[in-house]
C-alpha atoms as a PDB file:
ATOM      1  CA  UNK A   1      58.885 110.401 102.685  1.00  0.00           C
ATOM      2  CA  UNK A   2      55.144 110.901 102.454  1.00  0.00           C
ATOM      3  CA  UNK A   3      52.903 111.366 105.471  1.00  0.00           C
ATOM      4  CA  UNK A   4      51.619 107.775 105.332  1.00  0.00           C
ATOM      5  CA  UNK A   5      55.155 106.389 105.478  1.00  0.00           C
ATOM      6  CA  UNK A   6      56.024 108.634 108.426  1.00  0.00           C
ATOM      7  CA  UNK A   7      52.850 107.510 110.198  1.00  0.00           C
ATOM      8  CA  UNK A   8      53.693 103.849 109.586  1.00  0.00           C
ATOM      9  CA  UNK A   9      57.296 104.195 110.775  1.00  0.00           C
ATOM     10  CA  UNK A  10      56.409 106.092 113.955  1.00  0.00           C
ATOM     11  CA  UNK A  11      53.072 104.515 114.857  1.00  0.00           C
ATOM     12  CA  UNK A  12      51.463 107.968 114.909  1.00  0.00           C
ATOM     13  CA  UNK A  13      48.286 108.707 112.965  1.00  0.00           C
ATOM     14  CA  UNK A  14      48.343 110.993 109.944  1.00  0.00           C
ATOM     15  CA  UNK A  15      45.828 113.164 111.785  1.00  0.00           C
ATOM     16  CA  UNK A  16      48.324 113.638 114.626  1.00  0.00           C
ATOM     17  CA  UNK A  17      51.099 114.443 112.164  1.00  0.00           C
ATOM     18  CA  UNK A  18      48.933 117.138 110.586  1.00  0.00           C
ATOM     19  CA  UNK A  19      48.221 118.508 114.069  1.00  0.00           C
ATOM     20  CA  UNK A  20      51.961 118.638 114.808  1.00  0.00           C
ATOM     21  CA  UNK A  21      52.379 120.620 111.612  1.00  0.00           C
ATOM     22  CA  UNK A  22      49.594 123.048 112.629  1.00  0.00           C
ATOM     23  CA  UNK A  23      51.335 123.562 115.970  1.00  0.00           C
ATOM     24  CA  UNK A  24      54.705 124.221 114.326  1.00  0.00           C
ATOM     25  CA  UNK A  25      56.260 121.068 115.789  1.00  0.00           C
ATOM     26  CA  UNK A  26      56.894 119.372 112.464  1.00  0.00           C
ATOM     27  CA  UNK A  27      57.667 121.176 109.202  1.00  0.00           C
ATOM     28  CA  UNK A  28      57.549 119.139 106.000  1.00  0.00           C
ATOM     29  CA  UNK A  29      58.748 120.210 102.601  1.00  0.00           C
ATOM     30  CA  UNK A  30      56.192 120.221  99.795  1.00  0.00           C
ATOM     31  CA  UNK A  31      56.411 118.476  96.453  1.00  0.00           C
ATOM     32  CA  UNK A  32      55.597 120.462  93.294  1.00  0.00           C
ATOM     33  CA  UNK A  33      52.140 118.876  93.551  1.00  0.00           C
ATOM     34  CA  UNK A  34      51.690 120.189  97.110  1.00  0.00           C
ATOM     35  CA  UNK A  35      52.085 116.867  98.948  1.00  0.00           C
ATOM     36  CA  UNK A  36      53.971 116.739 102.221  1.00  0.00           C
ATOM     37  CA  UNK A  37      57.509 115.393 101.931  1.00  0.00           C
ATOM     38  CA  UNK A  38      59.277 114.640 105.215  1.00  0.00           C
ATOM     39  CA  UNK A  39      63.031 114.199 105.617  1.00  0.00           C
ATOM     40  CA  UNK A  40      64.427 111.102 107.329  1.00  0.00           C
ATOM     41  CA  UNK A  41      65.035 113.141 110.517  1.00  0.00           C
ATOM     42  CA  UNK A  42      61.275 113.565 110.904  1.00  0.00           C
ATOM     43  CA  UNK A  43      61.094 110.038 112.355  1.00  0.00           C
ATOM     44  CA  UNK A  44      63.276 111.061 115.314  1.00  0.00           C
ATOM     45  CA  UNK A  45      61.405 114.350 115.664  1.00  0.00           C
ATOM     46  CA  UNK A  46      58.006 112.610 115.877  1.00  0.00           C
ATOM     47  CA  UNK A  47      59.316 110.111 118.431  1.00  0.00           C
ATOM     48  CA  UNK A  48      60.699 112.998 120.498  1.00  0.00           C
ATOM     49  CA  UNK A  49      57.354 114.819 120.291  1.00  0.00           C
ATOM     50  CA  UNK A  50      55.540 111.671 121.430  1.00  0.00           C
ATOM     51  CA  UNK A  51      57.902 111.296 124.395  1.00  0.00           C
ATOM     52  CA  UNK A  52      57.263 114.890 125.452  1.00  0.00           C
ATOM     53  CA  UNK A  53      53.492 114.419 125.182  1.00  0.00           C
ATOM     54  CA  UNK A  54      53.804 111.233 127.253  1.00  0.00           C
ATOM     55  CA  UNK A  55      55.661 113.262 129.893  1.00  0.00           C
ATOM     56  CA  UNK A  56      52.573 115.448 130.196  1.00  0.00           C
ATOM     57  CA  UNK A  57      53.686 118.497 128.244  1.00  0.00           C
ATOM     58  CA  UNK A  58      51.317 120.407 125.962  1.00  0.00           C
ATOM     59  CA  UNK A  59      52.095 121.478 122.397  1.00  0.00           C
ATOM     60  CA  UNK A  60      53.033 125.088 123.270  1.00  0.00           C
ATOM     61  CA  UNK A  61      55.620 123.904 125.789  1.00  0.00           C
ATOM     62  CA  UNK A  62      56.912 121.270 123.362  1.00  0.00           C
ATOM     63  CA  UNK A  63      57.328 123.977 120.702  1.00  0.00           C
ATOM     64  CA  UNK A  64      59.457 125.934 123.180  1.00  0.00           C
ATOM     65  CA  UNK A  65      61.580 122.915 124.130  1.00  0.00           C
ATOM     66  CA  UNK A  66      62.252 121.319 120.735  1.00  0.00           C
ATOM     67  CA  UNK A  67      64.813 123.935 119.643  1.00  0.00           C
ATOM     68  CA  UNK A  68      66.738 123.294 122.877  1.00  0.00           C
ATOM     69  CA  UNK A  69      67.024 119.548 122.317  1.00  0.00           C
ATOM     70  CA  UNK A  70      69.938 117.917 120.572  1.00  0.00           C
ATOM     71  CA  UNK A  71      69.560 116.285 117.197  1.00  0.00           C
ATOM     72  CA  UNK A  72      70.321 112.611 116.636  1.00  0.00           C
ATOM     73  CA  UNK A  73      73.953 113.437 115.773  1.00  0.00           C
ATOM     74  CA  UNK A  74      74.435 115.004 119.234  1.00  0.00           C
ATOM     75  CA  UNK A  75      74.747 118.552 117.928  1.00  0.00           C
ATOM     76  CA  UNK A  76      72.385 121.397 118.716  1.00  0.00           C
ATOM     77  CA  UNK A  77      69.052 121.375 116.945  1.00  0.00           C
ATOM     78  CA  UNK A  78      69.119 123.049 113.536  1.00  0.00           C
ATOM     79  CA  UNK A  79      66.921 125.910 114.749  1.00  0.00           C
ATOM     80  CA  UNK A  80      68.739 126.470 118.065  1.00  0.00           C
ATOM     81  CA  UNK A  81      69.839 130.042 118.623  1.00  0.00           C
ATOM     82  CA  UNK A  82      73.356 130.769 119.920  1.00  0.00           C
ATOM     83  CA  UNK A  83      71.816 131.418 123.351  1.00  0.00           C
ATOM     84  CA  UNK A  84      70.558 127.812 123.422  1.00  0.00           C
ATOM     85  CA  UNK A  85      73.653 126.044 122.180  1.00  0.00           C
ATOM     86  CA  UNK A  86      77.098 125.842 123.739  1.00  0.00           C
ATOM     87  CA  UNK A  87      79.961 127.524 121.904  1.00  0.00           C
END
């Protein structure tokens, strides 16, 4: 989905989504034309980021925590290292 669609579905501004990308919190794919293309899971990721900001955490701490959090399917996050996920 394009950045505008992600913004609409999450209630987060496109400016904030670009900031999340700059901070390494959100990583979109790119179309051949260079436009951002977000997977469906990005909706859950943005909501999770918003919850962590609302809890008072800053972007560096959120970047540290996101890999430790479980994905929507209950499994470890895709980028979790073996040290962060149970075996």
